[in-house]
Amino acid sequence: MRWIMRVTYARQSSVNLLQFNDVATTARWTRNTSQSFVITVNLNTRKTSLKINGVAVAGAQDIPFVSGATNLHRVQAEFTGIDSG
């Protein structure tokens, strides 16, 4: 399986970080607080973008697919970890 994008929560030095395709963003997350995530996947340009609560996340716009995914025949989502799903 190849990934086209990945959103990762992390906590470092008391800061709640959000990574998009393994790159740190300016976005932060708050535990036990509802947040709306919209991930746009452009199959033509092979790029992805992230919005949280309707706001585009700086550093997470038009990011190339991870893992060099080029030939897609199936898309699935996997939610794991802290407050996922």
N, C-alpha and C. Protein backbone atom coordinates (compact mmCIF):
# COMPACT_ATOMS: atom_id res chain seq x y z
N MET A 1 0.84 -1.17 0.00
CA MET A 1 0.00 0.00 0.00
C MET A 1 0.89 1.24 0.00
N ARG A 2 0.50 2.24 -0.74
CA ARG A 2 1.22 3.52 -0.76
C ARG A 2 0.30 4.62 -0.23
N TRP A 3 0.88 5.53 0.51
CA TRP A 3 0.12 6.65 1.08
C TRP A 3 0.13 7.82 0.11
N ILE A 4 -1.01 8.52 0.01
CA ILE A 4 -1.01 9.76 -0.77
C ILE A 4 -0.90 10.97 0.14
N MET A 5 -1.32 10.83 1.40
CA MET A 5 -1.15 11.89 2.37
C MET A 5 -1.29 11.32 3.77
N ARG A 6 -0.81 12.10 4.75
CA ARG A 6 -0.82 11.66 6.13
C ARG A 6 -0.94 12.88 7.04
N VAL A 7 -1.87 12.82 8.01
CA VAL A 7 -1.97 13.85 9.05
C VAL A 7 -1.59 13.18 10.36
N THR A 8 -0.65 13.79 11.09
CA THR A 8 -0.13 13.20 12.31
C THR A 8 -0.17 14.21 13.45
N TYR A 9 -0.71 13.78 14.59
CA TYR A 9 -0.67 14.59 15.81
C TYR A 9 0.57 14.21 16.59
N ALA A 10 1.21 15.19 17.22
CA ALA A 10 2.36 14.90 18.07
C ALA A 10 2.40 15.92 19.20
N ARG A 11 3.05 15.55 20.27
CA ARG A 11 3.24 16.47 21.40
C ARG A 11 4.72 16.54 21.69
N GLN A 12 5.29 17.76 21.58
CA GLN A 12 6.71 17.96 21.84
C GLN A 12 6.87 19.18 22.72
N SER A 13 7.59 19.03 23.81
CA SER A 13 7.87 20.14 24.74
C SER A 13 6.59 20.90 25.10
N SER A 14 5.55 20.16 25.46
CA SER A 14 4.26 20.73 25.88
C SER A 14 3.52 21.46 24.77
N VAL A 15 3.88 21.25 23.51
CA VAL A 15 3.21 21.87 22.37
C VAL A 15 2.54 20.78 21.54
N ASN A 16 1.27 20.99 21.22
CA ASN A 16 0.52 20.04 20.40
C ASN A 16 0.74 20.37 18.93
N LEU A 17 1.53 19.56 18.25
CA LEU A 17 1.89 19.81 16.86
C LEU A 17 1.04 18.99 15.91
N LEU A 18 0.88 19.51 14.70
CA LEU A 18 0.19 18.80 13.64
C LEU A 18 1.11 18.74 12.43
N GLN A 19 1.36 17.53 11.96
CA GLN A 19 2.20 17.35 10.77
C GLN A 19 1.32 16.92 9.61
N PHE A 20 1.65 17.42 8.43
CA PHE A 20 0.94 17.05 7.21
C PHE A 20 1.96 16.51 6.23
N ASN A 21 1.81 15.26 5.86
CA ASN A 21 2.78 14.57 5.00
C ASN A 21 4.19 14.65 5.59
N ASP A 22 4.25 14.42 6.90
CA ASP A 22 5.51 14.36 7.66
C ASP A 22 6.25 15.70 7.75
N VAL A 23 5.55 16.81 7.46
CA VAL A 23 6.14 18.15 7.58
C VAL A 23 5.36 18.92 8.65
N ALA A 24 6.07 19.54 9.59
CA ALA A 24 5.42 20.32 10.64
C ALA A 24 4.68 21.50 10.03
N THR A 25 3.50 21.79 10.58
CA THR A 25 2.72 22.94 10.13
C THR A 25 2.60 23.94 11.28
N THR A 26 1.98 25.08 11.01
CA THR A 26 1.73 26.08 12.05
C THR A 26 0.48 25.74 12.84
N ALA A 27 -0.29 24.76 12.39
CA ALA A 27 -1.53 24.37 13.05
C ALA A 27 -1.26 23.69 14.39
N ARG A 28 -2.17 23.88 15.32
CA ARG A 28 -2.10 23.23 16.63
C ARG A 28 -3.41 22.49 16.85
N TRP A 29 -3.40 21.50 17.72
CA TRP A 29 -4.62 20.79 18.07
C TRP A 29 -4.84 20.88 19.56
N THR A 30 -6.10 20.78 19.94
CA THR A 30 -6.47 20.85 21.34
C THR A 30 -7.22 19.58 21.70
N ARG A 31 -6.76 18.90 22.70
CA ARG A 31 -7.38 17.64 23.12
C ARG A 31 -8.81 17.89 23.59
N ASN A 32 -9.69 16.97 23.24
CA ASN A 32 -11.11 17.01 23.62
C ASN A 32 -11.85 18.22 23.07
N THR A 33 -11.38 18.76 21.97
CA THR A 33 -12.04 19.86 21.29
C THR A 33 -12.35 19.43 19.86
N SER A 34 -13.59 19.61 19.45
CA SER A 34 -13.99 19.23 18.11
C SER A 34 -13.33 20.13 17.07
N GLN A 35 -12.72 19.53 16.07
CA GLN A 35 -12.12 20.27 14.96
C GLN A 35 -12.56 19.60 13.67
N SER A 36 -12.88 20.40 12.66
CA SER A 36 -13.29 19.89 11.36
C SER A 36 -12.10 19.90 10.41
N PHE A 37 -11.76 18.74 9.88
CA PHE A 37 -10.65 18.60 8.95
C PHE A 37 -11.21 18.37 7.55
N VAL A 38 -10.72 19.11 6.57
CA VAL A 38 -11.06 18.88 5.17
C VAL A 38 -9.74 18.66 4.44
N ILE A 39 -9.62 17.49 3.84
CA ILE A 39 -8.43 17.16 3.06
C ILE A 39 -8.85 17.09 1.60
N THR A 40 -8.24 17.94 0.79
CA THR A 40 -8.53 17.97 -0.63
C THR A 40 -7.44 17.18 -1.35
N VAL A 41 -7.87 16.21 -2.15
CA VAL A 41 -6.95 15.38 -2.91
C VAL A 41 -7.17 15.66 -4.39
N ASN A 42 -6.16 16.23 -5.04
CA ASN A 42 -6.24 16.51 -6.47
C ASN A 42 -5.55 15.37 -7.23
N LEU A 43 -6.37 14.52 -7.85
CA LEU A 43 -5.81 13.36 -8.54
C LEU A 43 -5.11 13.73 -9.84
N ASN A 44 -5.41 14.90 -10.39
CA ASN A 44 -4.74 15.34 -11.62
C ASN A 44 -3.32 15.84 -11.36
N THR A 45 -3.17 16.68 -10.32
CA THR A 45 -1.85 17.24 -10.02
C THR A 45 -1.06 16.38 -9.03
N ARG A 46 -1.75 15.39 -8.43
CA ARG A 46 -1.16 14.52 -7.40
C ARG A 46 -0.67 15.31 -6.20
N LYS A 47 -1.54 16.23 -5.75
CA LYS A 47 -1.23 17.05 -4.59
C LYS A 47 -2.41 17.07 -3.63
N THR A 48 -2.11 17.35 -2.35
CA THR A 48 -3.14 17.39 -1.32
C THR A 48 -3.05 18.71 -0.55
N SER A 49 -4.18 19.10 0.05
CA SER A 49 -4.25 20.33 0.85
C SER A 49 -5.11 20.06 2.09
N LEU A 50 -4.87 20.83 3.14
CA LEU A 50 -5.57 20.63 4.42
C LEU A 50 -6.19 21.94 4.91
N LYS A 51 -7.45 21.84 5.35
CA LYS A 51 -8.12 22.95 6.04
C LYS A 51 -8.59 22.42 7.39
N ILE A 52 -8.49 23.28 8.41
CA ILE A 52 -9.02 22.95 9.73
C ILE A 52 -10.02 24.04 10.10
N ASN A 53 -11.23 23.61 10.43
CA ASN A 53 -12.32 24.53 10.75
C ASN A 53 -12.51 25.57 9.65
N GLY A 54 -12.36 25.14 8.39
CA GLY A 54 -12.60 26.01 7.24
C GLY A 54 -11.44 26.92 6.87
N VAL A 55 -10.33 26.84 7.58
CA VAL A 55 -9.18 27.72 7.34
C VAL A 55 -8.03 26.89 6.74
N ALA A 56 -7.51 27.33 5.60
CA ALA A 56 -6.37 26.65 4.99
C ALA A 56 -5.17 26.71 5.93
N VAL A 57 -4.52 25.58 6.12
CA VAL A 57 -3.36 25.49 7.02
C VAL A 57 -2.10 25.88 6.25
N ALA A 58 -1.40 26.89 6.75
CA ALA A 58 -0.15 27.32 6.13
C ALA A 58 0.84 26.16 6.14
N GLY A 59 1.50 25.95 5.03
CA GLY A 59 2.46 24.86 4.93
C GLY A 59 1.83 23.52 4.57
N ALA A 60 0.50 23.50 4.37
CA ALA A 60 -0.19 22.25 4.05
C ALA A 60 -1.10 22.45 2.84
N GLN A 61 -0.62 23.19 1.86
CA GLN A 61 -1.39 23.45 0.65
C GLN A 61 -0.59 22.98 -0.57
N ASP A 62 -1.26 22.27 -1.47
CA ASP A 62 -0.64 21.77 -2.70
C ASP A 62 0.64 20.98 -2.44
N ILE A 63 0.56 20.05 -1.50
CA ILE A 63 1.70 19.23 -1.13
C ILE A 63 1.68 17.94 -1.96
N PRO A 64 2.79 17.58 -2.61
CA PRO A 64 2.82 16.35 -3.41
C PRO A 64 2.49 15.11 -2.57
N PHE A 65 1.89 14.11 -3.22
CA PHE A 65 1.61 12.84 -2.56
C PHE A 65 2.88 12.30 -1.92
N VAL A 66 2.76 11.66 -0.77
CA VAL A 66 3.90 10.98 -0.15
C VAL A 66 4.08 9.62 -0.81
N SER A 67 5.22 9.01 -0.61
CA SER A 67 5.54 7.67 -1.10
C SER A 67 5.56 7.53 -2.61
N GLY A 68 5.55 8.62 -3.35
CA GLY A 68 5.61 8.53 -4.80
C GLY A 68 4.42 7.84 -5.42
N ALA A 69 3.26 7.89 -4.77
CA ALA A 69 2.05 7.25 -5.31
C ALA A 69 1.69 7.89 -6.65
N THR A 70 1.61 7.08 -7.68
CA THR A 70 1.31 7.61 -9.01
C THR A 70 0.15 6.90 -9.70
N ASN A 71 -0.11 5.67 -9.36
CA ASN A 71 -1.13 4.90 -10.05
C ASN A 71 -2.15 4.39 -9.02
N LEU A 72 -3.23 5.16 -8.82
CA LEU A 72 -4.19 4.83 -7.77
C LEU A 72 -5.36 4.02 -8.33
N HIS A 73 -5.73 2.98 -7.61
CA HIS A 73 -6.92 2.25 -7.98
C HIS A 73 -7.88 2.12 -6.80
N ARG A 74 -7.46 2.57 -5.61
CA ARG A 74 -8.30 2.51 -4.43
C ARG A 74 -7.84 3.58 -3.45
N VAL A 75 -8.80 4.19 -2.77
CA VAL A 75 -8.49 5.18 -1.74
C VAL A 75 -9.19 4.75 -0.47
N GLN A 76 -8.47 4.75 0.65
CA GLN A 76 -9.08 4.43 1.93
C GLN A 76 -8.53 5.35 3.00
N ALA A 77 -9.25 5.46 4.11
CA ALA A 77 -8.81 6.29 5.23
C ALA A 77 -8.62 5.40 6.45
N GLU A 78 -7.62 5.75 7.25
CA GLU A 78 -7.36 5.02 8.49
C GLU A 78 -7.23 6.03 9.61
N PHE A 79 -8.04 5.88 10.66
CA PHE A 79 -8.03 6.80 11.78
C PHE A 79 -7.57 6.04 13.01
N THR A 80 -6.45 6.47 13.62
CA THR A 80 -5.93 5.81 14.81
C THR A 80 -5.39 6.85 15.78
N GLY A 81 -5.29 6.47 17.03
CA GLY A 81 -4.61 7.33 18.00
C GLY A 81 -5.53 8.26 18.77
N ILE A 82 -4.98 9.32 19.25
CA ILE A 82 -5.65 10.26 20.14
C ILE A 82 -6.83 10.93 19.47
N ASP A 83 -8.02 10.77 20.03
CA ASP A 83 -9.24 11.46 19.59
C ASP A 83 -9.52 11.31 18.10
N SER A 84 -9.07 10.25 17.46
CA SER A 84 -9.31 10.10 16.04
C SER A 84 -10.69 9.50 15.80
N GLY A 85 -11.29 9.93 14.71
CA GLY A 85 -12.60 9.39 14.35
C GLY A 85 -13.66 10.11 15.04
